[in-house]
Amino acid sequence: MTVEVAVIHVFVGPTLARSEPGLAAPGVRVRPPVGHGDLFDDAIREGDTVVIIDGVYHQAPALRHKEILAAMGRGSG
């Protein structure tokens, strides 16, 4: 029997260093600042937690509020 372990996906960039001790905790996956479409990544599964600290705005298409609502509707929040 395979047990699925929930992952915490932390989208972080300039606000918090990737070397921050809390980001090294088991089950935490550090990702670059969130952009358009990133919340539809297959790596984010139902039951996972998504933490958005930083995002892209001027250099690439930004995350839209509907993407956050869709992720919450899939059970990722």
N, C-alpha and C. Protein backbone atom coordinates (compact mmCIF):
# COMPACT_ATOMS: atom_id res chain seq x y z
N MET A 1 0.84 -1.18 0.00
CA MET A 1 0.00 0.00 0.00
C MET A 1 0.89 1.25 0.00
N THR A 2 0.63 2.17 -0.90
CA THR A 2 1.41 3.39 -1.00
C THR A 2 0.69 4.50 -0.26
N VAL A 3 1.41 5.20 0.58
CA VAL A 3 0.85 6.31 1.33
C VAL A 3 1.30 7.61 0.67
N GLU A 4 0.34 8.41 0.26
CA GLU A 4 0.64 9.71 -0.35
C GLU A 4 0.90 10.71 0.77
N VAL A 5 2.04 11.34 0.76
CA VAL A 5 2.39 12.34 1.75
C VAL A 5 2.14 13.71 1.15
N ALA A 6 1.39 14.53 1.87
CA ALA A 6 1.11 15.88 1.39
C ALA A 6 2.40 16.69 1.38
N VAL A 7 2.52 17.51 0.36
CA VAL A 7 3.70 18.35 0.18
C VAL A 7 3.28 19.80 0.36
N ILE A 8 4.16 20.60 0.93
CA ILE A 8 3.93 22.04 1.04
C ILE A 8 4.78 22.70 -0.04
N HIS A 9 4.14 23.30 -1.02
CA HIS A 9 4.82 23.97 -2.13
C HIS A 9 4.92 25.45 -1.76
N VAL A 10 6.15 25.95 -1.60
CA VAL A 10 6.36 27.34 -1.22
C VAL A 10 6.96 28.08 -2.41
N PHE A 11 6.19 29.02 -2.95
CA PHE A 11 6.65 29.86 -4.06
C PHE A 11 7.30 31.10 -3.44
N VAL A 12 8.62 31.17 -3.54
CA VAL A 12 9.35 32.24 -2.85
C VAL A 12 10.47 32.75 -3.74
N GLY A 13 10.79 34.00 -3.56
CA GLY A 13 11.86 34.61 -4.36
C GLY A 13 12.64 35.60 -3.52
N PRO A 14 12.58 36.87 -3.85
CA PRO A 14 13.43 37.83 -3.17
C PRO A 14 13.02 38.14 -1.73
N THR A 15 11.80 37.88 -1.35
CA THR A 15 11.34 38.23 -0.01
C THR A 15 11.99 37.37 1.07
N LEU A 16 12.23 36.11 0.76
CA LEU A 16 12.75 35.17 1.75
C LEU A 16 13.82 34.32 1.07
N ALA A 17 14.96 34.19 1.71
CA ALA A 17 16.05 33.40 1.13
C ALA A 17 15.69 31.93 1.12
N ARG A 18 16.08 31.23 0.06
CA ARG A 18 15.83 29.79 -0.04
C ARG A 18 16.57 29.02 1.06
N SER A 19 17.55 29.64 1.65
CA SER A 19 18.32 28.99 2.72
C SER A 19 17.65 29.14 4.09
N GLU A 20 16.52 29.80 4.15
CA GLU A 20 15.78 29.96 5.41
C GLU A 20 15.53 28.58 6.03
N PRO A 21 15.88 28.40 7.31
CA PRO A 21 15.76 27.07 7.93
C PRO A 21 14.37 26.44 7.81
N GLY A 22 13.32 27.21 7.91
CA GLY A 22 11.97 26.67 7.82
C GLY A 22 11.66 26.04 6.47
N LEU A 23 12.37 26.48 5.45
CA LEU A 23 12.15 25.94 4.11
C LEU A 23 12.85 24.60 3.90
N ALA A 24 13.69 24.22 4.85
CA ALA A 24 14.41 22.95 4.75
C ALA A 24 13.68 21.82 5.45
N ALA A 25 12.49 22.09 5.95
CA ALA A 25 11.71 21.08 6.68
C ALA A 25 11.28 19.95 5.73
N PRO A 26 11.13 18.76 6.27
CA PRO A 26 10.67 17.64 5.43
C PRO A 26 9.29 17.94 4.86
N GLY A 27 9.10 17.59 3.62
CA GLY A 27 7.80 17.80 2.97
C GLY A 27 7.62 19.17 2.36
N VAL A 28 8.62 20.03 2.45
CA VAL A 28 8.53 21.36 1.87
C VAL A 28 9.28 21.36 0.54
N ARG A 29 8.61 21.81 -0.49
CA ARG A 29 9.24 21.95 -1.81
C ARG A 29 9.32 23.43 -2.14
N VAL A 30 10.52 23.96 -2.21
CA VAL A 30 10.73 25.38 -2.50
C VAL A 30 10.72 25.56 -4.02
N ARG A 31 9.91 26.53 -4.44
CA ARG A 31 9.76 26.80 -5.87
C ARG A 31 10.02 28.27 -6.13
N PRO A 32 10.33 28.64 -7.37
CA PRO A 32 10.56 30.06 -7.68
C PRO A 32 9.26 30.85 -7.58
N PRO A 33 9.34 32.18 -7.64
CA PRO A 33 8.13 32.99 -7.55
C PRO A 33 7.04 32.49 -8.51
N VAL A 34 5.82 32.48 -8.05
CA VAL A 34 4.70 31.93 -8.82
C VAL A 34 4.35 32.84 -10.00
N GLY A 35 4.00 32.21 -11.09
CA GLY A 35 3.57 32.94 -12.28
C GLY A 35 2.34 32.27 -12.87
N HIS A 36 1.87 32.83 -13.94
CA HIS A 36 0.68 32.31 -14.63
C HIS A 36 0.87 30.84 -14.98
N GLY A 37 -0.07 30.01 -14.56
CA GLY A 37 -0.06 28.60 -14.91
C GLY A 37 0.68 27.69 -13.93
N ASP A 38 1.44 28.25 -13.01
CA ASP A 38 2.24 27.43 -12.11
C ASP A 38 1.40 26.55 -11.18
N LEU A 39 0.22 26.99 -10.82
CA LEU A 39 -0.61 26.20 -9.91
C LEU A 39 -1.27 25.01 -10.60
N PHE A 40 -1.11 24.91 -11.92
CA PHE A 40 -1.65 23.76 -12.66
C PHE A 40 -0.58 22.68 -12.88
N ASP A 41 0.57 22.84 -12.24
CA ASP A 41 1.66 21.85 -12.32
C ASP A 41 1.16 20.52 -11.76
N ASP A 42 1.44 19.43 -12.45
CA ASP A 42 1.01 18.10 -12.00
C ASP A 42 1.62 17.71 -10.66
N ALA A 43 2.71 18.36 -10.28
CA ALA A 43 3.36 18.05 -9.00
C ALA A 43 2.51 18.50 -7.81
N ILE A 44 1.58 19.44 -8.05
CA ILE A 44 0.69 19.91 -6.98
C ILE A 44 -0.56 19.04 -7.03
N ARG A 45 -0.69 18.20 -6.00
CA ARG A 45 -1.78 17.23 -5.97
C ARG A 45 -2.83 17.62 -4.94
N GLU A 46 -3.96 16.96 -5.04
CA GLU A 46 -5.03 17.16 -4.07
C GLU A 46 -4.47 16.86 -2.67
N GLY A 47 -4.75 17.74 -1.73
CA GLY A 47 -4.27 17.57 -0.37
C GLY A 47 -2.97 18.29 -0.07
N ASP A 48 -2.27 18.73 -1.11
CA ASP A 48 -1.04 19.50 -0.90
C ASP A 48 -1.41 20.91 -0.45
N THR A 49 -0.44 21.59 0.13
CA THR A 49 -0.61 22.98 0.55
C THR A 49 0.26 23.85 -0.35
N VAL A 50 -0.30 24.98 -0.76
CA VAL A 50 0.43 25.94 -1.59
C VAL A 50 0.59 27.23 -0.78
N VAL A 51 1.83 27.69 -0.67
CA VAL A 51 2.13 28.94 0.02
C VAL A 51 2.73 29.89 -1.01
N ILE A 52 2.06 31.01 -1.20
CA ILE A 52 2.53 32.00 -2.17
C ILE A 52 3.11 33.18 -1.40
N ILE A 53 4.42 33.34 -1.49
CA ILE A 53 5.10 34.47 -0.84
C ILE A 53 5.49 35.50 -1.90
N ASP A 54 6.01 35.03 -3.01
CA ASP A 54 6.45 35.92 -4.09
C ASP A 54 5.89 35.45 -5.42
N GLY A 55 5.71 36.40 -6.31
CA GLY A 55 5.25 36.08 -7.65
C GLY A 55 5.89 37.00 -8.67
N VAL A 56 5.76 36.63 -9.92
CA VAL A 56 6.27 37.47 -11.02
C VAL A 56 5.15 38.40 -11.48
N TYR A 57 5.52 39.57 -11.94
CA TYR A 57 4.51 40.53 -12.38
C TYR A 57 4.90 41.20 -13.69
N HIS A 58 6.06 41.81 -13.73
CA HIS A 58 6.44 42.56 -14.92
C HIS A 58 7.23 41.74 -15.92
N GLN A 59 8.02 40.79 -15.45
CA GLN A 59 8.92 40.04 -16.33
C GLN A 59 8.24 38.86 -17.02
N ALA A 60 7.06 38.45 -16.54
CA ALA A 60 6.32 37.32 -17.11
C ALA A 60 4.86 37.47 -16.71
N PRO A 61 3.95 36.74 -17.38
CA PRO A 61 2.54 36.84 -17.00
C PRO A 61 2.33 36.45 -15.54
N ALA A 62 1.55 37.25 -14.84
CA ALA A 62 1.32 37.06 -13.41
C ALA A 62 0.24 36.01 -13.14
N LEU A 63 0.27 35.48 -11.95
CA LEU A 63 -0.76 34.56 -11.47
C LEU A 63 -2.10 35.30 -11.42
N ARG A 64 -3.15 34.64 -11.84
CA ARG A 64 -4.48 35.24 -11.81
C ARG A 64 -5.27 34.67 -10.64
N HIS A 65 -6.18 35.47 -10.11
CA HIS A 65 -6.95 35.02 -8.95
C HIS A 65 -7.77 33.77 -9.27
N LYS A 66 -8.19 33.60 -10.49
CA LYS A 66 -8.96 32.41 -10.88
C LYS A 66 -8.12 31.14 -10.77
N GLU A 67 -6.81 31.26 -10.94
CA GLU A 67 -5.93 30.10 -10.78
C GLU A 67 -5.88 29.66 -9.32
N ILE A 68 -5.88 30.62 -8.41
CA ILE A 68 -5.90 30.29 -6.99
C ILE A 68 -7.22 29.62 -6.63
N LEU A 69 -8.32 30.15 -7.13
CA LEU A 69 -9.64 29.55 -6.88
C LEU A 69 -9.73 28.15 -7.45
N ALA A 70 -9.16 27.93 -8.62
CA ALA A 70 -9.17 26.59 -9.24
C ALA A 70 -8.36 25.60 -8.41
N ALA A 71 -7.21 26.04 -7.90
CA ALA A 71 -6.38 25.16 -7.07
C ALA A 71 -7.11 24.81 -5.78
N MET A 72 -7.78 25.77 -5.20
CA MET A 72 -8.56 25.49 -3.98
C MET A 72 -9.70 24.55 -4.27
N GLY A 73 -10.32 24.67 -5.44
CA GLY A 73 -11.40 23.77 -5.84
C GLY A 73 -10.92 22.34 -6.05
N ARG A 74 -9.65 22.17 -6.41
CA ARG A 74 -9.07 20.83 -6.59
C ARG A 74 -8.63 20.22 -5.26
N GLY A 75 -8.71 20.97 -4.19
CA GLY A 75 -8.30 20.45 -2.90
C GLY A 75 -6.89 20.82 -2.51
N SER A 76 -6.25 21.70 -3.27
CA SER A 76 -4.93 22.23 -2.90
C SER A 76 -5.18 23.63 -2.36
N GLY A 77 -4.67 23.90 -1.23
CA GLY A 77 -4.93 25.22 -0.67
C GLY A 77 -3.88 25.72 0.23
